[in-house]
Amino acid sequence: MRTFLLAVAVAVVWVPVVGQAASLRCGTGLVSDGASKSDVAAKCGEPVSRESRTESEEVKTKDGDTSTKRVVQKTFEEWTYNFGPNRLMQVVVFENGKLIEVKSAGYGR
């Protein structure tokens, strides 16, 4: 029995970690990583709420002995979908218009 448990523990350690892909099922439609806002709206309809924010990030690049800095603007939008009281609400996150994350929120109404 100990050998079996040791083998299971070793197997779990050696299993590669797989990242979660952002995806959302809306009826018969499915949207996933990289989908545009228009694609999500077409398949899932209009969200119950939209929030938007802009973040600035300083990016440094080096070319030989010369380094340059520039500021990059990123626009994030979060759309919330409420699929009713028996399902969790879903928050869809876009970066510069492309789907990057889907998060679950509390139960809908």
PDB file of N, CA and C in Angstrom:
ATOM      1  N   MET A   1       0.828  -1.197   0.000  1.00  0.00           N
ATOM      2  CA  MET A   1       0.000   0.000   0.000  1.00  0.00           C
ATOM      3  C   MET A   1       0.871   1.258   0.000  1.00  0.00           C
ATOM      4  N   ARG A   2       1.955   1.219   0.780  1.00  0.00           N
ATOM      5  CA  ARG A   2       2.851   2.371   0.816  1.00  0.00           C
ATOM      6  C   ARG A   2       3.463   2.635  -0.554  1.00  0.00           C
ATOM      7  N   THR A   3       3.821   1.580  -1.240  1.00  0.00           N
ATOM      8  CA  THR A   3       4.407   1.725  -2.571  1.00  0.00           C
ATOM      9  C   THR A   3       3.421   2.392  -3.513  1.00  0.00           C
ATOM     10  N   PHE A   4       2.163   2.005  -3.415  1.00  0.00           N
ATOM     11  CA  PHE A   4       1.124   2.603  -4.264  1.00  0.00           C
ATOM     12  C   PHE A   4       0.972   4.094  -3.971  1.00  0.00           C
ATOM     13  N   LEU A   5       0.902   4.461  -2.696  1.00  0.00           N
ATOM     14  CA  LEU A   5       0.763   5.867  -2.326  1.00  0.00           C
ATOM     15  C   LEU A   5       1.973   6.674  -2.757  1.00  0.00           C
ATOM     16  N   LEU A   6       3.153   6.096  -2.633  1.00  0.00           N
ATOM     17  CA  LEU A   6       4.362   6.779  -3.082  1.00  0.00           C
ATOM     18  C   LEU A   6       4.330   6.986  -4.595  1.00  0.00           C
ATOM     19  N   ALA A   7       3.881   5.986  -5.319  1.00  0.00           N
ATOM     20  CA  ALA A   7       3.792   6.096  -6.781  1.00  0.00           C
ATOM     21  C   ALA A   7       2.790   7.179  -7.184  1.00  0.00           C
ATOM     22  N   VAL A   8       1.674   7.258  -6.500  1.00  0.00           N
ATOM     23  CA  VAL A   8       0.668   8.287  -6.792  1.00  0.00           C
ATOM     24  C   VAL A   8       1.240   9.671  -6.492  1.00  0.00           C
ATOM     25  N   ALA A   9       1.924   9.818  -5.363  1.00  0.00           N
ATOM     26  CA  ALA A   9       2.506  11.112  -5.002  1.00  0.00           C
ATOM     27  C   ALA A   9       3.537  11.551  -6.042  1.00  0.00           C
ATOM     28  N   VAL A  10       4.373  10.639  -6.495  1.00  0.00           N
ATOM     29  CA  VAL A  10       5.379  10.960  -7.508  1.00  0.00           C
ATOM     30  C   VAL A  10       4.707  11.332  -8.825  1.00  0.00           C
ATOM     31  N   ALA A  11       3.667  10.604  -9.184  1.00  0.00           N
ATOM     32  CA  ALA A  11       2.962  10.890 -10.437  1.00  0.00           C
ATOM     33  C   ALA A  11       2.334  12.281 -10.409  1.00  0.00           C
ATOM     34  N   VAL A  12       1.758  12.671  -9.279  1.00  0.00           N
ATOM     35  CA  VAL A  12       1.131  13.986  -9.158  1.00  0.00           C
ATOM     36  C   VAL A  12       2.175  15.085  -9.295  1.00  0.00           C
ATOM     37  N   VAL A  13       3.335  14.882  -8.715  1.00  0.00           N
ATOM     38  CA  VAL A  13       4.396  15.882  -8.803  1.00  0.00           C
ATOM     39  C   VAL A  13       4.868  16.050 -10.240  1.00  0.00           C
ATOM     40  N   TRP A  14       4.891  14.998 -11.016  1.00  0.00           N
ATOM     41  CA  TRP A  14       5.421  15.048 -12.378  1.00  0.00           C
ATOM     42  C   TRP A  14       4.394  15.479 -13.418  1.00  0.00           C
ATOM     43  N   VAL A  15       3.133  15.636 -13.023  1.00  0.00           N
ATOM     44  CA  VAL A  15       2.111  16.081 -13.962  1.00  0.00           C
ATOM     45  C   VAL A  15       2.363  17.547 -14.274  1.00  0.00           C
ATOM     46  N   PRO A  16       2.459  17.923 -15.551  1.00  0.00           N
ATOM     47  CA  PRO A  16       2.693  19.324 -15.882  1.00  0.00           C
ATOM     48  C   PRO A  16       1.501  20.192 -15.497  1.00  0.00           C
ATOM     49  N   VAL A  17       1.812  21.409 -15.101  1.00  0.00           N
ATOM     50  CA  VAL A  17       0.758  22.358 -14.748  1.00  0.00           C
ATOM     51  C   VAL A  17       0.232  22.973 -16.034  1.00  0.00           C
ATOM     52  N   VAL A  18      -1.080  22.911 -16.228  1.00  0.00           N
ATOM     53  CA  VAL A  18      -1.713  23.453 -17.418  1.00  0.00           C
ATOM     54  C   VAL A  18      -2.457  24.717 -17.040  1.00  0.00           C
ATOM     55  N   GLY A  19      -2.225  25.809 -17.759  1.00  0.00           N
ATOM     56  CA  GLY A  19      -2.916  27.065 -17.490  1.00  0.00           C
ATOM     57  C   GLY A  19      -4.374  26.995 -17.894  1.00  0.00           C
ATOM     58  N   GLN A  20      -5.183  27.729 -17.203  1.00  0.00           N
ATOM     59  CA  GLN A  20      -6.596  27.774 -17.510  1.00  0.00           C
ATOM     60  C   GLN A  20      -6.832  28.708 -18.689  1.00  0.00           C
ATOM     61  N   ALA A  21      -7.582  28.243 -19.632  1.00  0.00           N
ATOM     62  CA  ALA A  21      -7.950  29.084 -20.764  1.00  0.00           C
ATOM     63  C   ALA A  21      -9.246  29.810 -20.412  1.00  0.00           C
ATOM     64  N   ALA A  22      -9.354  31.043 -20.844  1.00  0.00           N
ATOM     65  CA  ALA A  22     -10.571  31.805 -20.612  1.00  0.00           C
ATOM     66  C   ALA A  22     -11.609  31.355 -21.623  1.00  0.00           C
ATOM     67  N   SER A  23     -12.768  30.897 -21.135  1.00  0.00           N
ATOM     68  CA  SER A  23     -13.845  30.526 -22.037  1.00  0.00           C
ATOM     69  C   SER A  23     -15.180  30.699 -21.323  1.00  0.00           C
ATOM     70  N   LEU A  24     -16.208  30.933 -22.120  1.00  0.00           N
ATOM     71  CA  LEU A  24     -17.554  31.151 -21.593  1.00  0.00           C
ATOM     72  C   LEU A  24     -18.554  30.565 -22.563  1.00  0.00           C
ATOM     73  N   ARG A  25     -19.457  29.739 -22.039  1.00  0.00           N
ATOM     74  CA  ARG A  25     -20.530  29.176 -22.851  1.00  0.00           C
ATOM     75  C   ARG A  25     -21.779  30.022 -22.650  1.00  0.00           C
ATOM     76  N   CYS A  26     -22.342  30.470 -23.756  1.00  0.00           N
ATOM     77  CA  CYS A  26     -23.572  31.259 -23.742  1.00  0.00           C
ATOM     78  C   CYS A  26     -24.581  30.540 -24.627  1.00  0.00           C
ATOM     79  N   GLY A  27     -25.487  29.799 -24.014  1.00  0.00           N
ATOM     80  CA  GLY A  27     -26.424  29.001 -24.805  1.00  0.00           C
ATOM     81  C   GLY A  27     -25.643  27.971 -25.607  1.00  0.00           C
ATOM     82  N   THR A  28     -25.753  28.052 -26.927  1.00  0.00           N
ATOM     83  CA  THR A  28     -25.007  27.120 -27.777  1.00  0.00           C
ATOM     84  C   THR A  28     -23.692  27.712 -28.256  1.00  0.00           C
ATOM     85  N   GLY A  29     -23.442  28.984 -27.934  1.00  0.00           N
ATOM     86  CA  GLY A  29     -22.207  29.645 -28.358  1.00  0.00           C
ATOM     87  C   GLY A  29     -21.101  29.481 -27.328  1.00  0.00           C
ATOM     88  N   LEU A  30     -19.872  29.509 -27.801  1.00  0.00           N
ATOM     89  CA  LEU A  30     -18.712  29.427 -26.928  1.00  0.00           C
ATOM     90  C   LEU A  30     -17.719  30.491 -27.360  1.00  0.00           C
ATOM     91  N   VAL A  31     -17.264  31.290 -26.401  1.00  0.00           N
ATOM     92  CA  VAL A  31     -16.227  32.279 -26.679  1.00  0.00           C
ATOM     93  C   VAL A  31     -15.020  31.925 -25.828  1.00  0.00           C
ATOM     94  N   SER A  32     -13.822  32.170 -26.357  1.00  0.00           N
ATOM     95  CA  SER A  32     -12.611  31.819 -25.620  1.00  0.00           C
ATOM     96  C   SER A  32     -11.526  32.844 -25.866  1.00  0.00           C
ATOM     97  N   ASP A  33     -10.358  32.594 -25.275  1.00  0.00           N
ATOM     98  CA  ASP A  33      -9.213  33.502 -25.348  1.00  0.00           C
ATOM     99  C   ASP A  33      -9.072  34.152 -26.723  1.00  0.00           C
ATOM    100  N   GLY A  34      -8.890  35.462 -26.703  1.00  0.00           N
ATOM    101  CA  GLY A  34      -8.636  36.188 -27.940  1.00  0.00           C
ATOM    102  C   GLY A  34      -9.881  36.645 -28.676  1.00  0.00           C
ATOM    103  N   ALA A  35     -11.064  36.253 -28.216  1.00  0.00           N
ATOM    104  CA  ALA A  35     -12.300  36.679 -28.884  1.00  0.00           C
ATOM    105  C   ALA A  35     -12.452  38.189 -28.774  1.00  0.00           C
ATOM    106  N   SER A  36     -13.030  38.782 -29.793  1.00  0.00           N
ATOM    107  CA  SER A  36     -13.264  40.228 -29.780  1.00  0.00           C
ATOM    108  C   SER A  36     -14.528  40.555 -28.991  1.00  0.00           C
ATOM    109  N   LYS A  37     -14.670  41.820 -28.627  1.00  0.00           N
ATOM    110  CA  LYS A  37     -15.872  42.255 -27.923  1.00  0.00           C
ATOM    111  C   LYS A  37     -17.113  42.025 -28.772  1.00  0.00           C
ATOM    112  N   SER A  38     -17.016  42.269 -30.069  1.00  0.00           N
ATOM    113  CA  SER A  38     -18.178  42.075 -30.937  1.00  0.00           C
ATOM    114  C   SER A  38     -18.562  40.598 -31.032  1.00  0.00           C
ATOM    115  N   ASP A  39     -17.584  39.703 -31.016  1.00  0.00           N
ATOM    116  CA  ASP A  39     -17.858  38.265 -31.049  1.00  0.00           C
ATOM    117  C   ASP A  39     -18.566  37.832 -29.771  1.00  0.00           C
ATOM    118  N   VAL A  40     -18.090  38.320 -28.631  1.00  0.00           N
ATOM    119  CA  VAL A  40     -18.719  37.985 -27.348  1.00  0.00           C
ATOM    120  C   VAL A  40     -20.145  38.531 -27.313  1.00  0.00           C
ATOM    121  N   ALA A  41     -20.343  39.767 -27.745  1.00  0.00           N
ATOM    122  CA  ALA A  41     -21.683  40.364 -27.747  1.00  0.00           C
ATOM    123  C   ALA A  41     -22.624  39.594 -28.678  1.00  0.00           C
ATOM    124  N   ALA A  42     -22.111  39.137 -29.822  1.00  0.00           N
ATOM    125  CA  ALA A  42     -22.942  38.397 -30.773  1.00  0.00           C
ATOM    126  C   ALA A  42     -23.378  37.050 -30.201  1.00  0.00           C
ATOM    127  N   LYS A  43     -22.494  36.391 -29.467  1.00  0.00           N
ATOM    128  CA  LYS A  43     -22.809  35.059 -28.946  1.00  0.00           C
ATOM    129  C   LYS A  43     -23.495  35.084 -27.590  1.00  0.00           C
ATOM    130  N   CYS A  44     -23.208  36.101 -26.772  1.00  0.00           N
ATOM    131  CA  CYS A  44     -23.728  36.134 -25.406  1.00  0.00           C
ATOM    132  C   CYS A  44     -24.748  37.236 -25.160  1.00  0.00           C
ATOM    133  N   GLY A  45     -24.906  38.143 -26.101  1.00  0.00           N
ATOM    134  CA  GLY A  45     -25.831  39.253 -25.905  1.00  0.00           C
ATOM    135  C   GLY A  45     -25.184  40.385 -25.124  1.00  0.00           C
ATOM    136  N   GLU A  46     -26.005  41.330 -24.726  1.00  0.00           N
ATOM    137  CA  GLU A  46     -25.513  42.478 -23.987  1.00  0.00           C
ATOM    138  C   GLU A  46     -25.330  42.125 -22.512  1.00  0.00           C
ATOM    139  N   PRO A  47     -24.235  42.554 -21.908  1.00  0.00           N
ATOM    140  CA  PRO A  47     -24.028  42.289 -20.477  1.00  0.00           C
ATOM    141  C   PRO A  47     -24.924  43.183 -19.632  1.00  0.00           C
ATOM    142  N   VAL A  48     -25.091  42.816 -18.355  1.00  0.00           N
ATOM    143  CA  VAL A  48     -25.891  43.648 -17.451  1.00  0.00           C
ATOM    144  C   VAL A  48     -25.106  44.866 -16.994  1.00  0.00           C
ATOM    145  N   SER A  49     -23.767  44.783 -17.041  1.00  0.00           N
ATOM    146  CA  SER A  49     -22.964  45.959 -16.716  1.00  0.00           C
ATOM    147  C   SER A  49     -21.628  45.894 -17.436  1.00  0.00           C
ATOM    148  N   ARG A  50     -21.044  47.099 -17.612  1.00  0.00           N
ATOM    149  CA  ARG A  50     -19.733  47.244 -18.241  1.00  0.00           C
ATOM    150  C   ARG A  50     -18.929  48.233 -17.420  1.00  0.00           C
ATOM    151  N   GLU A  51     -17.687  47.880 -17.152  1.00  0.00           N
ATOM    152  CA  GLU A  51     -16.775  48.796 -16.464  1.00  0.00           C
ATOM    153  C   GLU A  51     -15.502  48.867 -17.286  1.00  0.00           C
ATOM    154  N   SER A  52     -14.921  50.061 -17.344  1.00  0.00           N
ATOM    155  CA  SER A  52     -13.733  50.268 -18.159  1.00  0.00           C
ATOM    156  C   SER A  52     -12.682  51.030 -17.364  1.00  0.00           C
ATOM    157  N   ARG A  53     -11.418  50.710 -17.608  1.00  0.00           N
ATOM    158  CA  ARG A  53     -10.317  51.454 -16.996  1.00  0.00           C
ATOM    159  C   ARG A  53      -9.131  51.420 -17.951  1.00  0.00           C
ATOM    160  N   THR A  54      -8.265  52.405 -17.821  1.00  0.00           N
ATOM    161  CA  THR A  54      -7.057  52.489 -18.632  1.00  0.00           C
ATOM    162  C   THR A  54      -5.857  52.489 -17.700  1.00  0.00           C
ATOM    163  N   GLU A  55      -4.851  51.713 -18.053  1.00  0.00           N
ATOM    164  CA  GLU A  55      -3.622  51.651 -17.277  1.00  0.00           C
ATOM    165  C   GLU A  55      -2.452  52.000 -18.178  1.00  0.00           C
ATOM    166  N   SER A  56      -1.477  52.665 -17.599  1.00  0.00           N
ATOM    167  CA  SER A  56      -0.254  53.010 -18.325  1.00  0.00           C
ATOM    168  C   SER A  56       0.873  52.128 -17.821  1.00  0.00           C
ATOM    169  N   GLU A  57       1.701  51.682 -18.742  1.00  0.00           N
ATOM    170  CA  GLU A  57       2.840  50.849 -18.388  1.00  0.00           C
ATOM    171  C   GLU A  57       4.069  51.358 -19.117  1.00  0.00           C
ATOM    172  N   GLU A  58       5.150  51.517 -18.388  1.00  0.00           N
ATOM    173  CA  GLU A  58       6.389  51.967 -19.012  1.00  0.00           C
ATOM    174  C   GLU A  58       7.139  50.747 -19.532  1.00  0.00           C
ATOM    175  N   VAL A  59       7.476  50.770 -20.813  1.00  0.00           N
ATOM    176  CA  VAL A  59       8.172  49.663 -21.449  1.00  0.00           C
ATOM    177  C   VAL A  59       9.567  50.130 -21.838  1.00  0.00           C
ATOM    178  N   LYS A  60      10.559  49.351 -21.418  1.00  0.00           N
ATOM    179  CA  LYS A  60      11.939  49.680 -21.756  1.00  0.00           C
ATOM    180  C   LYS A  60      12.420  48.711 -22.824  1.00  0.00           C
ATOM    181  N   THR A  61      13.061  49.242 -23.848  1.00  0.00           N
ATOM    182  CA  THR A  61      13.665  48.411 -24.881  1.00  0.00           C
ATOM    183  C   THR A  61      15.128  48.784 -25.017  1.00  0.00           C
ATOM    184  N   LYS A  62      15.927  47.799 -25.350  1.00  0.00           N
ATOM    185  CA  LYS A  62      17.355  48.039 -25.489  1.00  0.00           C
ATOM    186  C   LYS A  62      17.801  47.540 -26.856  1.00  0.00           C
ATOM    187  N   ASP A  63      18.497  48.403 -27.578  1.00  0.00           N
ATOM    188  CA  ASP A  63      19.031  48.062 -28.888  1.00  0.00           C
ATOM    189  C   ASP A  63      20.523  48.372 -28.864  1.00  0.00           C
ATOM    190  N   GLY A  64      21.320  47.334 -28.612  1.00  0.00           N
ATOM    191  CA  GLY A  64      22.756  47.564 -28.478  1.00  0.00           C
ATOM    192  C   GLY A  64      23.036  48.347 -27.209  1.00  0.00           C
ATOM    193  N   ASP A  65      23.672  49.509 -27.363  1.00  0.00           N
ATOM    194  CA  ASP A  65      23.988  50.358 -26.214  1.00  0.00           C
ATOM    195  C   ASP A  65      22.896  51.375 -25.920  1.00  0.00           C
ATOM    196  N   THR A  66      21.907  51.466 -26.786  1.00  0.00           N
ATOM    197  CA  THR A  66      20.849  52.453 -26.633  1.00  0.00           C
ATOM    198  C   THR A  66      19.616  51.813 -26.007  1.00  0.00           C
ATOM    199  N   SER A  67      19.106  52.447 -24.964  1.00  0.00           N
ATOM    200  CA  SER A  67      17.856  51.986 -24.371  1.00  0.00           C
ATOM    201  C   SER A  67      16.833  53.112 -24.460  1.00  0.00           C
ATOM    202  N   THR A  68      15.613  52.729 -24.719  1.00  0.00           N
ATOM    203  CA  THR A  68      14.534  53.708 -24.819  1.00  0.00           C
ATOM    204  C   THR A  68      13.389  53.292 -23.909  1.00  0.00           C
ATOM    205  N   LYS A  69      12.641  54.284 -23.480  1.00  0.00           N
ATOM    206  CA  LYS A  69      11.455  54.057 -22.661  1.00  0.00           C
ATOM    207  C   LYS A  69      10.266  54.646 -23.392  1.00  0.00           C
ATOM    208  N   ARG A  70       9.163  53.941 -23.297  1.00  0.00           N
ATOM    209  CA  ARG A  70       7.928  54.492 -23.843  1.00  0.00           C
ATOM    210  C   ARG A  70       6.772  54.044 -22.962  1.00  0.00           C
ATOM    211  N   VAL A  71       5.721  54.810 -22.975  1.00  0.00           N
ATOM    212  CA  VAL A  71       4.545  54.505 -22.176  1.00  0.00           C
ATOM    213  C   VAL A  71       3.502  53.861 -23.074  1.00  0.00           C
ATOM    214  N   VAL A  72       3.010  52.705 -22.642  1.00  0.00           N
ATOM    215  CA  VAL A  72       1.997  51.972 -23.390  1.00  0.00           C
ATOM    216  C   VAL A  72       0.687  52.043 -22.613  1.00  0.00           C
ATOM    217  N   GLN A  73      -0.379  52.398 -23.296  1.00  0.00           N
ATOM    218  CA  GLN A  73      -1.708  52.456 -22.687  1.00  0.00           C
ATOM    219  C   GLN A  73      -2.429  51.133 -22.926  1.00  0.00           C
ATOM    220  N   LYS A  74      -2.999  50.588 -21.875  1.00  0.00           N
ATOM    221  CA  LYS A  74      -3.813  49.374 -21.979  1.00  0.00           C
ATOM    222  C   LYS A  74      -5.208  49.694 -21.483  1.00  0.00           C
ATOM    223  N   THR A  75      -6.198  49.313 -22.258  1.00  0.00           N
ATOM    224  CA  THR A  75      -7.589  49.524 -21.875  1.00  0.00           C
ATOM    225  C   THR A  75      -8.179  48.188 -21.458  1.00  0.00           C
ATOM    226  N   PHE A  76      -8.736  48.148 -20.243  1.00  0.00           N
ATOM    227  CA  PHE A  76      -9.379  46.946 -19.729  1.00  0.00           C
ATOM    228  C   PHE A  76     -10.871  47.205 -19.599  1.00  0.00           C
ATOM    229  N   GLU A  77     -11.674  46.222 -20.001  1.00  0.00           N
ATOM    230  CA  GLU A  77     -13.121  46.290 -19.815  1.00  0.00           C
ATOM    231  C   GLU A  77     -13.573  45.023 -19.137  1.00  0.00           C
ATOM    232  N   GLU A  78     -14.504  45.163 -18.198  1.00  0.00           N
ATOM    233  CA  GLU A  78     -15.115  44.016 -17.553  1.00  0.00           C
ATOM    234  C   GLU A  78     -16.610  44.051 -17.815  1.00  0.00           C
ATOM    235  N   TRP A  79     -17.104  42.990 -18.439  1.00  0.00           N
ATOM    236  CA  TRP A  79     -18.526  42.848 -18.712  1.00  0.00           C
ATOM    237  C   TRP A  79     -19.074  41.779 -17.785  1.00  0.00           C
ATOM    238  N   THR A  80     -20.202  42.062 -17.154  1.00  0.00           N
ATOM    239  CA  THR A  80     -20.828  41.097 -16.248  1.00  0.00           C
ATOM    240  C   THR A  80     -22.089  40.534 -16.890  1.00  0.00           C
ATOM    241  N   TYR A  81     -22.166  39.209 -16.915  1.00  0.00           N
ATOM    242  CA  TYR A  81     -23.342  38.495 -17.432  1.00  0.00           C
ATOM    243  C   TYR A  81     -24.056  37.810 -16.279  1.00  0.00           C
ATOM    244  N   ASN A  82     -25.380  38.014 -16.225  1.00  0.00           N
ATOM    245  CA  ASN A  82     -26.223  37.414 -15.196  1.00  0.00           C
ATOM    246  C   ASN A  82     -27.132  36.396 -15.889  1.00  0.00           C
ATOM    247  N   PHE A  83     -26.871  35.116 -15.630  1.00  0.00           N
ATOM    248  CA  PHE A  83     -27.629  34.050 -16.286  1.00  0.00           C
ATOM    249  C   PHE A  83     -28.743  33.487 -15.412  1.00  0.00           C
ATOM    250  N   GLY A  84     -29.126  34.228 -14.355  1.00  0.00           N
ATOM    251  CA  GLY A  84     -30.244  33.810 -13.522  1.00  0.00           C
ATOM    252  C   GLY A  84     -29.816  33.280 -12.162  1.00  0.00           C
ATOM    253  N   PRO A  85     -30.806  33.011 -11.290  1.00  0.00           N
ATOM    254  CA  PRO A  85     -30.524  32.664  -9.894  1.00  0.00           C
ATOM    255  C   PRO A  85     -29.879  31.289  -9.703  1.00  0.00           C
ATOM    256  N   ASN A  86     -29.944  30.434 -10.684  1.00  0.00           N
ATOM    257  CA  ASN A  86     -29.388  29.094 -10.528  1.00  0.00           C
ATOM    258  C   ASN A  86     -27.980  28.953 -11.109  1.00  0.00           C
ATOM    259  N   ARG A  87     -27.433  30.047 -11.613  1.00  0.00           N
ATOM    260  CA  ARG A  87     -26.082  30.007 -12.193  1.00  0.00           C
ATOM    261  C   ARG A  87     -25.257  31.164 -11.658  1.00  0.00           C
ATOM    262  N   LEU A  88     -23.954  30.948 -11.607  1.00  0.00           N
ATOM    263  CA  LEU A  88     -23.059  32.019 -11.193  1.00  0.00           C
ATOM    264  C   LEU A  88     -22.975  33.077 -12.292  1.00  0.00           C
ATOM    265  N   MET A  89     -22.896  34.342 -11.874  1.00  0.00           N
ATOM    266  CA  MET A  89     -22.661  35.400 -12.844  1.00  0.00           C
ATOM    267  C   MET A  89     -21.238  35.252 -13.364  1.00  0.00           C
ATOM    268  N   GLN A  90     -21.004  35.700 -14.577  1.00  0.00           N
ATOM    269  CA  GLN A  90     -19.691  35.592 -15.201  1.00  0.00           C
ATOM    270  C   GLN A  90     -19.194  36.989 -15.551  1.00  0.00           C
ATOM    271  N   VAL A  91     -17.941  37.263 -15.210  1.00  0.00           N
ATOM    272  CA  VAL A  91     -17.309  38.534 -15.534  1.00  0.00           C
ATOM    273  C   VAL A  91     -16.264  38.260 -16.610  1.00  0.00           C
ATOM    274  N   VAL A  92     -16.462  38.897 -17.762  1.00  0.00           N
ATOM    275  CA  VAL A  92     -15.585  38.701 -18.916  1.00  0.00           C
ATOM    276  C   VAL A  92     -14.640  39.897 -18.968  1.00  0.00           C
ATOM    277  N   VAL A  93     -13.327  39.643 -19.008  1.00  0.00           N
ATOM    278  CA  VAL A  93     -12.324  40.710 -18.982  1.00  0.00           C
ATOM    279  C   VAL A  93     -11.644  40.801 -20.347  1.00  0.00           C
ATOM    280  N   PHE A  94     -11.622  42.017 -20.887  1.00  0.00           N
ATOM    281  CA  PHE A  94     -10.974  42.288 -22.167  1.00  0.00           C
ATOM    282  C   PHE A  94      -9.770  43.185 -21.936  1.00  0.00           C
ATOM    283  N   GLU A  95      -8.703  42.940 -22.676  1.00  0.00           N
ATOM    284  CA  GLU A  95      -7.556  43.839 -22.709  1.00  0.00           C
ATOM    285  C   GLU A  95      -7.400  44.300 -24.145  1.00  0.00           C
ATOM    286  N   ASN A  96      -7.509  45.617 -24.326  1.00  0.00           N
ATOM    287  CA  ASN A  96      -7.432  46.214 -25.663  1.00  0.00           C
ATOM    288  C   ASN A  96      -8.370  45.511 -26.644  1.00  0.00           C
ATOM    289  N   GLY A  97      -9.570  45.188 -26.176  1.00  0.00           N
ATOM    290  CA  GLY A  97     -10.609  44.635 -27.045  1.00  0.00           C
ATOM    291  C   GLY A  97     -10.581  43.137 -27.247  1.00  0.00           C
ATOM    292  N   LYS A  98      -9.658  42.426 -26.598  1.00  0.00           N
ATOM    293  CA  LYS A  98      -9.553  40.966 -26.751  1.00  0.00           C
ATOM    294  C   LYS A  98      -9.806  40.283 -25.412  1.00  0.00           C
ATOM    295  N   LEU A  99     -10.551  39.193 -25.434  1.00  0.00           N
ATOM    296  CA  LEU A  99     -10.871  38.440 -24.234  1.00  0.00           C
ATOM    297  C   LEU A  99      -9.610  37.828 -23.631  1.00  0.00           C
ATOM    298  N   ILE A 100      -9.380  38.105 -22.325  1.00  0.00           N
ATOM    299  CA  ILE A 100      -8.200  37.543 -21.662  1.00  0.00           C
ATOM    300  C   ILE A 100      -8.561  36.712 -20.431  1.00  0.00           C
ATOM    301  N   GLU A 101      -9.772  36.901 -19.877  1.00  0.00           N
ATOM    302  CA  GLU A 101     -10.109  36.200 -18.640  1.00  0.00           C
ATOM    303  C   GLU A 101     -11.610  36.131 -18.458  1.00  0.00           C
ATOM    304  N   VAL A 102     -12.073  35.024 -17.846  1.00  0.00           N
ATOM    305  CA  VAL A 102     -13.465  34.880 -17.441  1.00  0.00           C
ATOM    306  C   VAL A 102     -13.451  34.486 -15.972  1.00  0.00           C
ATOM    307  N   LYS A 103     -14.161  35.277 -15.142  1.00  0.00           N
ATOM    308  CA  LYS A 103     -14.204  35.026 -13.704  1.00  0.00           C
ATOM    309  C   LYS A 103     -15.645  34.776 -13.285  1.00  0.00           C
ATOM    310  N   SER A 104     -15.828  33.911 -12.300  1.00  0.00           N
ATOM    311  CA  SER A 104     -17.155  33.679 -11.741  1.00  0.00           C
ATOM    312  C   SER A 104     -17.401  34.653 -10.605  1.00  0.00           C
ATOM    313  N   ALA A 105     -18.630  35.130 -10.522  1.00  0.00           N
ATOM    314  CA  ALA A 105     -19.047  36.011  -9.436  1.00  0.00           C
ATOM    315  C   ALA A 105     -20.138  35.266  -8.646  1.00  0.00           C
ATOM    316  N   GLY A 106     -20.874  35.969  -7.827  1.00  0.00           N
ATOM    317  CA  GLY A 106     -21.941  35.340  -7.046  1.00  0.00           C
ATOM    318  C   GLY A 106     -23.106  34.904  -7.928  1.00  0.00           C
ATOM    319  N   TYR A 107     -24.076  34.267  -7.305  1.00  0.00           N
ATOM    320  CA  TYR A 107     -25.259  33.822  -8.052  1.00  0.00           C
ATOM    321  C   TYR A 107     -26.060  35.010  -8.535  1.00  0.00           C
ATOM    322  N   GLY A 108     -26.654  34.857  -9.698  1.00  0.00           N
ATOM    323  CA  GLY A 108     -27.456  35.916 -10.290  1.00  0.00           C
ATOM    324  C   GLY A 108     -28.823  36.033  -9.630  1.00  0.00           C
ATOM    325  N   ARG A 109     -29.622  36.909 -10.197  1.00  0.00           N
ATOM    326  CA  ARG A 109     -30.983  37.143  -9.680  1.00  0.00           C
ATOM    327  C   ARG A 109     -32.001  36.777 -10.711  1.00  0.00           C
TER     328      ARG A 109
END
